[in-house]
Amino acid sequence: MKEKITPLLLGQKGFQERITLLTAAQNEAIAISFWESEEDADAYNHVVYLDVLRTLSKIVEWMPTLENFEILDATPGQFLGAISSQLAGGIAIAQSLIVLDIGIRS
């Protein structure tokens, strides 16, 4: 999946980073992407996100939910350092894609 979805994200204006979390049972996932602005995240939602849904529809039982969040805080460590520095500049948009019941569709 990442071979198909990552290039879609990398080509989007304002895309910064993404992290994907998978449960130990590998049946639930959360992908969090970081954007320069809410406008950039919304532009992605209206165009490219449909391609992401088509890709995911081959492996998930339920359609994922998508939410925008304002980032309130991040520790200044190595992992979140770039996000922490963006907060100082007022750039603080995160988008969460929640996928439940991952499995091969029949």
Protein backbone atom coordinates (compact mmCIF):
# COMPACT_ATOMS: atom_id res chain seq x y z
CA MET A 1 0.00 0.00 0.00
CA LYS A 2 2.70 2.51 0.89
CA GLU A 3 4.18 2.11 -2.60
CA LYS A 4 0.92 3.45 -4.04
CA ILE A 5 -0.14 6.00 -1.41
CA THR A 6 3.19 7.64 -0.54
CA PRO A 7 3.81 9.00 -4.07
CA LEU A 8 0.31 10.51 -4.05
CA LEU A 9 1.11 12.40 -0.85
CA LEU A 10 4.60 13.48 -1.90
CA GLY A 11 3.20 15.25 -4.93
CA GLN A 12 0.79 17.39 -2.92
CA LYS A 13 1.34 21.06 -2.15
CA GLY A 14 1.96 21.59 1.53
CA PHE A 15 2.51 17.93 2.46
CA GLN A 16 5.15 17.64 5.20
CA GLU A 17 5.28 14.17 6.75
CA ARG A 18 3.24 11.05 7.44
CA ILE A 19 3.34 8.37 10.10
CA THR A 20 1.30 5.16 9.98
CA LEU A 21 0.50 3.16 13.12
CA LEU A 22 -0.70 -0.46 13.00
CA THR A 23 -2.07 -2.48 15.91
CA ALA A 24 -0.24 -5.63 16.97
CA ALA A 25 -3.14 -7.69 15.60
CA GLN A 26 -2.69 -5.80 12.30
CA ASN A 27 -6.42 -5.20 11.96
CA GLU A 28 -6.52 -1.46 12.67
CA ALA A 29 -4.36 1.39 11.45
CA ILE A 30 -4.06 5.14 11.85
CA ALA A 31 -2.18 7.27 9.35
CA ILE A 32 -1.36 10.81 10.43
CA SER A 33 -0.19 13.28 7.83
CA PHE A 34 1.14 16.78 8.50
CA TRP A 35 0.40 19.75 6.25
CA GLU A 36 1.59 23.35 5.98
CA SER A 37 -1.98 24.67 6.05
CA GLU A 38 -5.57 23.56 6.38
CA GLU A 39 -6.11 24.74 2.79
CA ASP A 40 -3.44 22.31 1.55
CA ALA A 41 -4.98 19.43 3.51
CA ASP A 42 -8.44 20.29 2.17
CA ALA A 43 -7.17 20.43 -1.41
CA TYR A 44 -5.75 16.93 -0.96
CA ASN A 45 -9.09 15.76 0.49
CA HIS A 46 -11.02 16.95 -2.55
CA VAL A 47 -8.77 15.50 -5.25
CA VAL A 48 -6.15 12.90 -4.37
CA TYR A 49 -7.91 11.34 -1.37
CA LEU A 50 -10.33 9.64 -3.79
CA ASP A 51 -7.35 7.75 -5.27
CA VAL A 52 -6.27 6.74 -1.75
CA LEU A 53 -9.78 5.41 -1.05
CA ARG A 54 -9.73 3.37 -4.26
CA THR A 55 -6.43 1.81 -3.22
CA LEU A 56 -7.62 1.08 0.33
CA SER A 57 -10.92 -0.38 -0.86
CA LYS A 58 -9.01 -3.48 -1.97
CA ILE A 59 -7.93 -4.37 1.58
CA VAL A 60 -10.39 -2.83 4.07
CA GLU A 61 -13.88 -3.89 5.05
CA TRP A 62 -15.06 -0.40 6.06
CA MET A 63 -14.34 2.99 4.59
CA PRO A 64 -11.86 4.94 6.72
CA THR A 65 -12.74 8.11 8.56
CA LEU A 66 -10.79 11.29 7.93
CA GLU A 67 -10.41 14.13 10.43
CA ASN A 68 -8.41 17.36 10.53
CA PHE A 69 -6.77 18.38 13.79
CA GLU A 70 -4.99 21.49 14.96
CA ILE A 71 -1.68 20.54 16.55
CA LEU A 72 -1.54 22.01 20.03
CA ASP A 73 1.83 20.74 21.19
CA ALA A 74 4.80 18.58 20.19
CA THR A 75 7.97 17.75 22.06
CA PRO A 76 11.11 19.28 20.54
CA GLY A 77 12.93 15.94 20.20
CA GLN A 78 14.39 14.50 17.03
CA PHE A 79 11.23 12.67 15.93
CA LEU A 80 8.82 15.59 16.25
CA GLY A 81 11.38 18.37 16.09
CA ALA A 82 10.27 19.68 12.69
CA ILE A 83 6.64 19.78 13.79
CA SER A 84 7.59 21.50 17.03
CA SER A 85 9.46 24.21 15.10
CA GLN A 86 6.49 24.65 12.73
CA LEU A 87 4.23 25.32 15.72
CA ALA A 88 6.32 28.38 16.49
CA GLY A 89 5.53 29.66 12.99
CA GLY A 90 1.81 29.00 13.33
CA ILE A 91 1.79 26.04 10.92
CA ALA A 92 -0.17 23.35 12.68
CA ILE A 93 -2.43 21.04 10.72
CA ALA A 94 -2.55 17.27 11.12
CA GLN A 95 -4.89 14.92 9.37
CA SER A 96 -5.81 11.51 10.72
CA LEU A 97 -6.97 8.62 8.54
CA ILE A 98 -8.42 5.83 10.67
CA VAL A 99 -8.81 2.41 9.09
CA LEU A 100 -10.60 -0.40 10.92
CA ASP A 101 -10.97 -4.07 10.00
CA ILE A 102 -8.02 -4.38 7.66
CA GLY A 103 -8.18 -7.57 5.68
CA ILE A 104 -8.44 -8.88 2.17
CA ARG A 105 -11.90 -8.19 0.82
CA SER A 106 -13.74 -11.18 -0.54
